[in-house]
PDB file of N, CA and C in Angstrom:
ATOM      1  N   MET A   1     -39.498 -13.036   7.309  1.00  0.00           N
ATOM      2  CA  MET A   1     -38.160 -12.966   6.745  1.00  0.00           C
ATOM      3  C   MET A   1     -37.110 -13.349   7.800  1.00  0.00           C
ATOM      4  N   LEU A   2     -35.874 -12.948   7.545  1.00  0.00           N
ATOM      5  CA  LEU A   2     -34.776 -13.347   8.425  1.00  0.00           C
ATOM      6  C   LEU A   2     -34.485 -12.363   9.545  1.00  0.00           C
ATOM      7  N   GLY A   3     -35.237 -11.288   9.640  1.00  0.00           N
ATOM      8  CA  GLY A   3     -35.002 -10.314  10.687  1.00  0.00           C
ATOM      9  C   GLY A   3     -33.821  -9.402  10.423  1.00  0.00           C
ATOM     10  N   ILE A   4     -33.421  -9.266   9.156  1.00  0.00           N
ATOM     11  CA  ILE A   4     -32.283  -8.410   8.846  1.00  0.00           C
ATOM     12  C   ILE A   4     -32.690  -7.149   8.102  1.00  0.00           C
ATOM     13  N   GLU A   5     -33.982  -7.017   7.838  1.00  0.00           N
ATOM     14  CA  GLU A   5     -34.448  -5.827   7.141  1.00  0.00           C
ATOM     15  C   GLU A   5     -34.357  -4.627   8.089  1.00  0.00           C
ATOM     16  N   PRO A   6     -33.987  -3.471   7.566  1.00  0.00           N
ATOM     17  CA  PRO A   6     -33.924  -2.292   8.419  1.00  0.00           C
ATOM     18  C   PRO A   6     -35.313  -1.906   8.904  1.00  0.00           C
ATOM     19  N   VAL A   7     -35.379  -1.325  10.063  1.00  0.00           N
ATOM     20  CA  VAL A   7     -36.642  -0.859  10.627  1.00  0.00           C
ATOM     21  C   VAL A   7     -36.820   0.585  10.213  1.00  0.00           C
ATOM     22  N   GLY A   8     -37.873   0.864   9.475  1.00  0.00           N
ATOM     23  CA  GLY A   8     -38.088   2.228   8.994  1.00  0.00           C
ATOM     24  C   GLY A   8     -36.929   2.651   8.126  1.00  0.00           C
ATOM     25  N   ASN A   9     -36.450   3.865   8.351  1.00  0.00           N
ATOM     26  CA  ASN A   9     -35.295   4.352   7.593  1.00  0.00           C
ATOM     27  C   ASN A   9     -34.042   4.427   8.466  1.00  0.00           C
ATOM     28  N   SER A  10     -34.054   3.687   9.578  1.00  0.00           N
ATOM     29  CA  SER A  10     -32.897   3.723  10.479  1.00  0.00           C
ATOM     30  C   SER A  10     -31.747   2.915   9.893  1.00  0.00           C
ATOM     31  N   LYS A  11     -30.538   3.292  10.282  1.00  0.00           N
ATOM     32  CA  LYS A  11     -29.374   2.540   9.845  1.00  0.00           C
ATOM     33  C   LYS A  11     -28.853   1.702  11.011  1.00  0.00           C
ATOM     34  N   MET A  12     -27.965   0.825  10.708  1.00  0.00           N
ATOM     35  CA  MET A  12     -27.381  -0.049  11.705  1.00  0.00           C
ATOM     36  C   MET A  12     -26.710   0.783  12.801  1.00  0.00           C
ATOM     37  N   LYS A  13     -26.851   0.347  14.041  1.00  0.00           N
ATOM     38  CA  LYS A  13     -26.176   1.033  15.154  1.00  0.00           C
ATOM     39  C   LYS A  13     -24.675   0.781  15.062  1.00  0.00           C
ATOM     40  N   ILE A  14     -23.898   1.716  15.568  1.00  0.00           N
ATOM     41  CA  ILE A  14     -22.442   1.674  15.417  1.00  0.00           C
ATOM     42  C   ILE A  14     -21.826   0.425  16.052  1.00  0.00           C
ATOM     43  N   ASP A  15     -22.337  -0.017  17.194  1.00  0.00           N
ATOM     44  CA  ASP A  15     -21.758  -1.211  17.821  1.00  0.00           C
ATOM     45  C   ASP A  15     -21.940  -2.439  16.935  1.00  0.00           C
ATOM     46  N   LEU A  16     -23.091  -2.565  16.308  1.00  0.00           N
ATOM     47  CA  LEU A  16     -23.317  -3.669  15.396  1.00  0.00           C
ATOM     48  C   LEU A  16     -22.466  -3.510  14.140  1.00  0.00           C
ATOM     49  N   ALA A  17     -22.301  -2.281  13.665  1.00  0.00           N
ATOM     50  CA  ALA A  17     -21.441  -2.025  12.500  1.00  0.00           C
ATOM     51  C   ALA A  17     -20.007  -2.452  12.792  1.00  0.00           C
ATOM     52  N   ARG A  18     -19.519  -2.165  13.989  1.00  0.00           N
ATOM     53  CA  ARG A  18     -18.162  -2.588  14.370  1.00  0.00           C
ATOM     54  C   ARG A  18     -18.056  -4.120  14.365  1.00  0.00           C
ATOM     55  N   HIS A  19     -19.073  -4.776  14.889  1.00  0.00           N
ATOM     56  CA  HIS A  19     -19.084  -6.242  14.920  1.00  0.00           C
ATOM     57  C   HIS A  19     -19.064  -6.808  13.500  1.00  0.00           C
ATOM     58  N   VAL A  20     -19.883  -6.245  12.632  1.00  0.00           N
ATOM     59  CA  VAL A  20     -19.931  -6.693  11.235  1.00  0.00           C
ATOM     60  C   VAL A  20     -18.582  -6.457  10.551  1.00  0.00           C
ATOM     61  N   ALA A  21     -17.964  -5.307  10.793  1.00  0.00           N
ATOM     62  CA  ALA A  21     -16.659  -5.001  10.192  1.00  0.00           C
ATOM     63  C   ALA A  21     -15.609  -6.022  10.631  1.00  0.00           C
ATOM     64  N   ARG A  22     -15.605  -6.349  11.917  1.00  0.00           N
ATOM     65  CA  ARG A  22     -14.639  -7.339  12.398  1.00  0.00           C
ATOM     66  C   ARG A  22     -14.878  -8.700  11.751  1.00  0.00           C
ATOM     67  N   ALA A  23     -16.144  -9.081  11.621  1.00  0.00           N
ATOM     68  CA  ALA A  23     -16.471 -10.353  10.971  1.00  0.00           C
ATOM     69  C   ALA A  23     -16.057 -10.337   9.497  1.00  0.00           C
ATOM     70  N   ALA A  24     -16.231  -9.206   8.838  1.00  0.00           N
ATOM     71  CA  ALA A  24     -15.827  -9.076   7.436  1.00  0.00           C
ATOM     72  C   ALA A  24     -14.314  -9.231   7.293  1.00  0.00           C
ATOM     73  N   PHE A  25     -13.558  -8.593   8.186  1.00  0.00           N
ATOM     74  CA  PHE A  25     -12.097  -8.740   8.158  1.00  0.00           C
ATOM     75  C   PHE A  25     -11.690 -10.187   8.401  1.00  0.00           C
ATOM     76  N   ARG A  26     -12.318 -10.835   9.398  1.00  0.00           N
ATOM     77  CA  ARG A  26     -11.990 -12.244   9.678  1.00  0.00           C
ATOM     78  C   ARG A  26     -12.281 -13.128   8.476  1.00  0.00           C
ATOM     79  N   SER A  27     -13.442 -12.931   7.875  1.00  0.00           N
ATOM     80  CA  SER A  27     -13.827 -13.748   6.725  1.00  0.00           C
ATOM     81  C   SER A  27     -12.848 -13.573   5.573  1.00  0.00           C
ATOM     82  N   SER A  28     -12.508 -12.334   5.278  1.00  0.00           N
ATOM     83  CA  SER A  28     -11.547 -12.067   4.195  1.00  0.00           C
ATOM     84  C   SER A  28     -10.191 -12.690   4.493  1.00  0.00           C
ATOM     85  N   ARG A  29      -9.753 -12.548   5.738  1.00  0.00           N
ATOM     86  CA  ARG A  29      -8.448 -13.108   6.119  1.00  0.00           C
ATOM     87  C   ARG A  29      -8.455 -14.631   5.997  1.00  0.00           C
ATOM     88  N   GLU A  30      -9.510 -15.269   6.498  1.00  0.00           N
ATOM     89  CA  GLU A  30      -9.562 -16.731   6.450  1.00  0.00           C
ATOM     90  C   GLU A  30      -9.613 -17.245   5.016  1.00  0.00           C
ATOM     91  N   LEU A  31     -10.365 -16.583   4.170  1.00  0.00           N
ATOM     92  CA  LEU A  31     -10.394 -16.977   2.767  1.00  0.00           C
ATOM     93  C   LEU A  31      -9.024 -16.794   2.117  1.00  0.00           C
ATOM     94  N   SER A  32      -8.393 -15.662   2.373  1.00  0.00           N
ATOM     95  CA  SER A  32      -7.080 -15.370   1.784  1.00  0.00           C
ATOM     96  C   SER A  32      -6.014 -16.359   2.252  1.00  0.00           C
ATOM     97  N   GLU A  33      -6.130 -16.808   3.491  1.00  0.00           N
ATOM     98  CA  GLU A  33      -5.157 -17.760   4.027  1.00  0.00           C
ATOM     99  C   GLU A  33      -5.233 -19.123   3.356  1.00  0.00           C
ATOM    100  N   LEU A  34      -6.317 -19.393   2.653  1.00  0.00           N
ATOM    101  CA  LEU A  34      -6.446 -20.662   1.937  1.00  0.00           C
ATOM    102  C   LEU A  34      -5.585 -20.719   0.673  1.00  0.00           C
ATOM    103  N   ILE A  35      -5.232 -19.570   0.142  1.00  0.00           N
ATOM    104  CA  ILE A  35      -4.550 -19.513  -1.156  1.00  0.00           C
ATOM    105  C   ILE A  35      -3.271 -20.353  -1.192  1.00  0.00           C
ATOM    106  N   PRO A  36      -2.337 -20.202  -0.245  1.00  0.00           N
ATOM    107  CA  PRO A  36      -1.116 -21.027  -0.329  1.00  0.00           C
ATOM    108  C   PRO A  36      -1.408 -22.530  -0.229  1.00  0.00           C
ATOM    109  N   LEU A  37      -2.342 -22.922   0.622  1.00  0.00           N
ATOM    110  CA  LEU A  37      -2.693 -24.327   0.751  1.00  0.00           C
ATOM    111  C   LEU A  37      -3.271 -24.863  -0.553  1.00  0.00           C
ATOM    112  N   LEU A  38      -4.165 -24.099  -1.147  1.00  0.00           N
ATOM    113  CA  LEU A  38      -4.756 -24.521  -2.414  1.00  0.00           C
ATOM    114  C   LEU A  38      -3.709 -24.612  -3.520  1.00  0.00           C
ATOM    115  N   LYS A  39      -2.803 -23.643  -3.542  1.00  0.00           N
ATOM    116  CA  LYS A  39      -1.758 -23.637  -4.577  1.00  0.00           C
ATOM    117  C   LYS A  39      -0.871 -24.872  -4.470  1.00  0.00           C
ATOM    118  N   ASP A  40      -0.577 -25.278  -3.243  1.00  0.00           N
ATOM    119  CA  ASP A  40       0.276 -26.455  -3.025  1.00  0.00           C
ATOM    120  C   ASP A  40      -0.465 -27.774  -3.212  1.00  0.00           C
ATOM    121  N   SER A  41      -1.792 -27.745  -3.191  1.00  0.00           N
ATOM    122  CA  SER A  41      -2.566 -28.983  -3.169  1.00  0.00           C
ATOM    123  C   SER A  41      -3.338 -29.292  -4.449  1.00  0.00           C
ATOM    124  N   LEU A  42      -3.517 -28.319  -5.307  1.00  0.00           N
ATOM    125  CA  LEU A  42      -4.379 -28.502  -6.475  1.00  0.00           C
ATOM    126  C   LEU A  42      -3.604 -28.368  -7.773  1.00  0.00           C
ATOM    127  N   SER A  43      -4.208 -28.850  -8.827  1.00  0.00           N
ATOM    128  CA  SER A  43      -3.636 -28.615 -10.148  1.00  0.00           C
ATOM    129  C   SER A  43      -3.706 -27.118 -10.438  1.00  0.00           C
ATOM    130  N   ALA A  44      -2.915 -26.673 -11.376  1.00  0.00           N
ATOM    131  CA  ALA A  44      -2.903 -25.248 -11.719  1.00  0.00           C
ATOM    132  C   ALA A  44      -4.287 -24.779 -12.155  1.00  0.00           C
ATOM    133  N   GLU A  45      -4.981 -25.602 -12.907  1.00  0.00           N
ATOM    134  CA  GLU A  45      -6.315 -25.229 -13.399  1.00  0.00           C
ATOM    135  C   GLU A  45      -7.325 -25.115 -12.252  1.00  0.00           C
ATOM    136  N   GLU A  46      -7.300 -26.102 -11.377  1.00  0.00           N
ATOM    137  CA  GLU A  46      -8.249 -26.069 -10.255  1.00  0.00           C
ATOM    138  C   GLU A  46      -7.901 -24.938  -9.292  1.00  0.00           C
ATOM    139  N   TYR A  47      -6.608 -24.751  -9.039  1.00  0.00           N
ATOM    140  CA  TYR A  47      -6.172 -23.638  -8.188  1.00  0.00           C
ATOM    141  C   TYR A  47      -6.647 -22.297  -8.753  1.00  0.00           C
ATOM    142  N   ALA A  48      -6.487 -22.100 -10.047  1.00  0.00           N
ATOM    143  CA  ALA A  48      -6.897 -20.840 -10.668  1.00  0.00           C
ATOM    144  C   ALA A  48      -8.382 -20.583 -10.454  1.00  0.00           C
ATOM    145  N   HIS A  49      -9.191 -21.620 -10.551  1.00  0.00           N
ATOM    146  CA  HIS A  49     -10.627 -21.464 -10.324  1.00  0.00           C
ATOM    147  C   HIS A  49     -10.903 -20.983  -8.898  1.00  0.00           C
ATOM    148  N   TYR A  50     -10.320 -21.676  -7.917  1.00  0.00           N
ATOM    149  CA  TYR A  50     -10.567 -21.314  -6.523  1.00  0.00           C
ATOM    150  C   TYR A  50      -9.962 -19.963  -6.159  1.00  0.00           C
ATOM    151  N   ALA A  51      -8.782 -19.685  -6.669  1.00  0.00           N
ATOM    152  CA  ALA A  51      -8.156 -18.394  -6.376  1.00  0.00           C
ATOM    153  C   ALA A  51      -9.024 -17.249  -6.892  1.00  0.00           C
ATOM    154  N   LYS A  52      -9.554 -17.410  -8.086  1.00  0.00           N
ATOM    155  CA  LYS A  52     -10.436 -16.381  -8.648  1.00  0.00           C
ATOM    156  C   LYS A  52     -11.708 -16.254  -7.812  1.00  0.00           C
ATOM    157  N   ALA A  53     -12.295 -17.374  -7.423  1.00  0.00           N
ATOM    158  CA  ALA A  53     -13.520 -17.346  -6.620  1.00  0.00           C
ATOM    159  C   ALA A  53     -13.278 -16.679  -5.268  1.00  0.00           C
ATOM    160  N   ILE A  54     -12.152 -16.982  -4.653  1.00  0.00           N
ATOM    161  CA  ILE A  54     -11.827 -16.364  -3.368  1.00  0.00           C
ATOM    162  C   ILE A  54     -11.611 -14.866  -3.551  1.00  0.00           C
ATOM    163  N   GLY A  55     -10.919 -14.485  -4.604  1.00  0.00           N
ATOM    164  CA  GLY A  55     -10.728 -13.066  -4.888  1.00  0.00           C
ATOM    165  C   GLY A  55     -12.047 -12.340  -5.066  1.00  0.00           C
ATOM    166  N   LEU A  56     -12.972 -12.961  -5.776  1.00  0.00           N
ATOM    167  CA  LEU A  56     -14.293 -12.351  -5.967  1.00  0.00           C
ATOM    168  C   LEU A  56     -15.051 -12.242  -4.648  1.00  0.00           C
ATOM    169  N   ALA A  57     -14.938 -13.264  -3.804  1.00  0.00           N
ATOM    170  CA  ALA A  57     -15.618 -13.241  -2.505  1.00  0.00           C
ATOM    171  C   ALA A  57     -15.055 -12.132  -1.611  1.00  0.00           C
ATOM    172  N   VAL A  58     -13.746 -12.013  -1.563  1.00  0.00           N
ATOM    173  CA  VAL A  58     -13.115 -10.972  -0.753  1.00  0.00           C
ATOM    174  C   VAL A  58     -13.490  -9.588  -1.293  1.00  0.00           C
ATOM    175  N   ALA A  59     -13.502  -9.441  -2.600  1.00  0.00           N
ATOM    176  CA  ALA A  59     -13.905  -8.161  -3.202  1.00  0.00           C
ATOM    177  C   ALA A  59     -15.355  -7.838  -2.878  1.00  0.00           C
ATOM    178  N   ALA A  60     -16.216  -8.847  -2.894  1.00  0.00           N
ATOM    179  CA  ALA A  60     -17.627  -8.621  -2.570  1.00  0.00           C
ATOM    180  C   ALA A  60     -17.793  -8.184  -1.126  1.00  0.00           C
ATOM    181  N   ILE A  61     -17.023  -8.769  -0.229  1.00  0.00           N
ATOM    182  CA  ILE A  61     -17.074  -8.346   1.172  1.00  0.00           C
ATOM    183  C   ILE A  61     -16.705  -6.871   1.269  1.00  0.00           C
ATOM    184  N   GLN A  62     -15.665  -6.466   0.574  1.00  0.00           N
ATOM    185  CA  GLN A  62     -15.249  -5.058   0.601  1.00  0.00           C
ATOM    186  C   GLN A  62     -16.320  -4.158  -0.006  1.00  0.00           C
ATOM    187  N   MET A  63     -16.768  -4.511  -1.198  1.00  0.00           N
ATOM    188  CA  MET A  63     -17.697  -3.640  -1.930  1.00  0.00           C
ATOM    189  C   MET A  63     -19.084  -3.594  -1.299  1.00  0.00           C
ATOM    190  N   GLU A  64     -19.586  -4.723  -0.902  1.00  0.00           N
ATOM    191  CA  GLU A  64     -20.973  -4.801  -0.446  1.00  0.00           C
ATOM    192  C   GLU A  64     -21.143  -4.617   1.056  1.00  0.00           C
ATOM    193  N   VAL A  65     -20.152  -4.949   1.828  1.00  0.00           N
ATOM    194  CA  VAL A  65     -20.281  -4.859   3.280  1.00  0.00           C
ATOM    195  C   VAL A  65     -19.510  -3.650   3.813  1.00  0.00           C
ATOM    196  N   MET A  66     -18.208  -3.633   3.576  1.00  0.00           N
ATOM    197  CA  MET A  66     -17.390  -2.573   4.179  1.00  0.00           C
ATOM    198  C   MET A  66     -17.730  -1.190   3.622  1.00  0.00           C
ATOM    199  N   ASN A  67     -17.972  -1.092   2.323  1.00  0.00           N
ATOM    200  CA  ASN A  67     -18.315   0.218   1.755  1.00  0.00           C
ATOM    201  C   ASN A  67     -19.642   0.732   2.296  1.00  0.00           C
ATOM    202  N   LYS A  68     -20.611  -0.162   2.514  1.00  0.00           N
ATOM    203  CA  LYS A  68     -21.899   0.240   3.086  1.00  0.00           C
ATOM    204  C   LYS A  68     -21.718   0.699   4.526  1.00  0.00           C
ATOM    205  N   LEU A  69     -20.911  -0.014   5.289  1.00  0.00           N
ATOM    206  CA  LEU A  69     -20.645   0.401   6.665  1.00  0.00           C
ATOM    207  C   LEU A  69     -20.000   1.781   6.694  1.00  0.00           C
ATOM    208  N   ALA A  70     -19.023   1.998   5.828  1.00  0.00           N
ATOM    209  CA  ALA A  70     -18.337   3.294   5.777  1.00  0.00           C
ATOM    210  C   ALA A  70     -19.288   4.400   5.368  1.00  0.00           C
ATOM    211  N   SER A  71     -20.183   4.105   4.465  1.00  0.00           N
ATOM    212  CA  SER A  71     -21.160   5.098   4.011  1.00  0.00           C
ATOM    213  C   SER A  71     -22.132   5.463   5.133  1.00  0.00           C
ATOM    214  N   ASP A  72     -22.579   4.460   5.861  1.00  0.00           N
ATOM    215  CA  ASP A  72     -23.546   4.697   6.935  1.00  0.00           C
ATOM    216  C   ASP A  72     -22.913   5.266   8.200  1.00  0.00           C
ATOM    217  N   HIS A  73     -21.624   4.992   8.393  1.00  0.00           N
ATOM    218  CA  HIS A  73     -20.913   5.427   9.608  1.00  0.00           C
ATOM    219  C   HIS A  73     -19.577   6.058   9.200  1.00  0.00           C
ATOM    220  N   PRO A  74     -19.600   7.323   8.791  1.00  0.00           N
ATOM    221  CA  PRO A  74     -18.398   7.971   8.244  1.00  0.00           C
ATOM    222  C   PRO A  74     -17.165   7.916   9.152  1.00  0.00           C
ATOM    223  N   GLY A  75     -17.327   7.889  10.445  1.00  0.00           N
ATOM    224  CA  GLY A  75     -16.174   7.844  11.342  1.00  0.00           C
ATOM    225  C   GLY A  75     -15.569   6.465  11.495  1.00  0.00           C
ATOM    226  N   LEU A  76     -16.256   5.455  11.002  1.00  0.00           N
ATOM    227  CA  LEU A  76     -15.782   4.084  11.193  1.00  0.00           C
ATOM    228  C   LEU A  76     -14.466   3.819  10.465  1.00  0.00           C
ATOM    229  N   ASP A  77     -14.308   4.361   9.269  1.00  0.00           N
ATOM    230  CA  ASP A  77     -13.049   4.169   8.521  1.00  0.00           C
ATOM    231  C   ASP A  77     -11.849   4.656   9.314  1.00  0.00           C
ATOM    232  N   ALA A  78     -11.967   5.846   9.902  1.00  0.00           N
ATOM    233  CA  ALA A  78     -10.854   6.401  10.685  1.00  0.00           C
ATOM    234  C   ALA A  78     -10.581   5.544  11.918  1.00  0.00           C
ATOM    235  N   GLU A  79     -11.631   5.049  12.542  1.00  0.00           N
ATOM    236  CA  GLU A  79     -11.479   4.179  13.712  1.00  0.00           C
ATOM    237  C   GLU A  79     -10.761   2.882  13.331  1.00  0.00           C
ATOM    238  N   ILE A  80     -11.173   2.300  12.220  1.00  0.00           N
ATOM    239  CA  ILE A  80     -10.544   1.054  11.754  1.00  0.00           C
ATOM    240  C   ILE A  80      -9.080   1.300  11.411  1.00  0.00           C
ATOM    241  N   GLU A  81      -8.810   2.369  10.688  1.00  0.00           N
ATOM    242  CA  GLU A  81      -7.433   2.687  10.305  1.00  0.00           C
ATOM    243  C   GLU A  81      -6.552   2.928  11.516  1.00  0.00           C
ATOM    244  N   ALA A  82      -7.064   3.655  12.511  1.00  0.00           N
ATOM    245  CA  ALA A  82      -6.289   3.918  13.723  1.00  0.00           C
ATOM    246  C   ALA A  82      -5.978   2.621  14.463  1.00  0.00           C
ATOM    247  N   SER A  83      -6.939   1.720  14.538  1.00  0.00           N
ATOM    248  CA  SER A  83      -6.720   0.439  15.206  1.00  0.00           C
ATOM    249  C   SER A  83      -5.686  -0.397  14.460  1.00  0.00           C
ATOM    250  N   ILE A  84      -5.791  -0.427  13.137  1.00  0.00           N
ATOM    251  CA  ILE A  84      -4.825  -1.190  12.344  1.00  0.00           C
ATOM    252  C   ILE A  84      -3.429  -0.602  12.487  1.00  0.00           C
ATOM    253  N   ASN A  85      -3.311   0.719  12.470  1.00  0.00           N
ATOM    254  CA  ASN A  85      -2.002   1.361  12.634  1.00  0.00           C
ATOM    255  C   ASN A  85      -1.411   1.075  14.002  1.00  0.00           C
ATOM    256  N   ARG A  86      -2.255   1.025  15.027  1.00  0.00           N
ATOM    257  CA  ARG A  86      -1.752   0.812  16.387  1.00  0.00           C
ATOM    258  C   ARG A  86      -1.482  -0.647  16.695  1.00  0.00           C
ATOM    259  N   PHE A  87      -2.387  -1.541  16.274  1.00  0.00           N
ATOM    260  CA  PHE A  87      -2.316  -2.940  16.688  1.00  0.00           C
ATOM    261  C   PHE A  87      -2.032  -3.924  15.548  1.00  0.00           C
ATOM    262  N   GLY A  88      -2.032  -3.430  14.307  1.00  0.00           N
ATOM    263  CA  GLY A  88      -1.829  -4.316  13.179  1.00  0.00           C
ATOM    264  C   GLY A  88      -3.099  -5.026  12.741  1.00  0.00           C
ATOM    265  N   ARG A  89      -4.206  -4.725  13.375  1.00  0.00           N
ATOM    266  CA  ARG A  89      -5.516  -5.300  13.042  1.00  0.00           C
ATOM    267  C   ARG A  89      -6.615  -4.480  13.684  1.00  0.00           C
ATOM    268  N   TYR A  90      -7.849  -4.710  13.283  1.00  0.00           N
ATOM    269  CA  TYR A  90      -8.972  -3.991  13.851  1.00  0.00           C
ATOM    270  C   TYR A  90      -9.471  -4.755  15.076  1.00  0.00           C
ATOM    271  N   LEU A  91      -9.255  -4.152  16.220  1.00  0.00           N
ATOM    272  CA  LEU A  91      -9.686  -4.792  17.486  1.00  0.00           C
ATOM    273  C   LEU A  91     -11.077  -4.367  17.867  1.00  0.00           C
TER     274      LEU A  91
END
């Protein structure tokens, strides 16, 4: 396989969870930043398709990645929130 299956019943280590969370935030931000460009460049119909697809992708990142990280690492949410409150982003 791809080497991403969990070993036994262990969960992801916190340092890797932090890395994944940062990547999830970057991915969501980069996708969201496409919206104004697409709106200015595409027909209304084509824009609506891409905007919906991007919204679904960002929602999937939240539901499938971030919620799992929060479930496995209960303190991570507070850490992320504190970083965002202090720096405006998760560092």
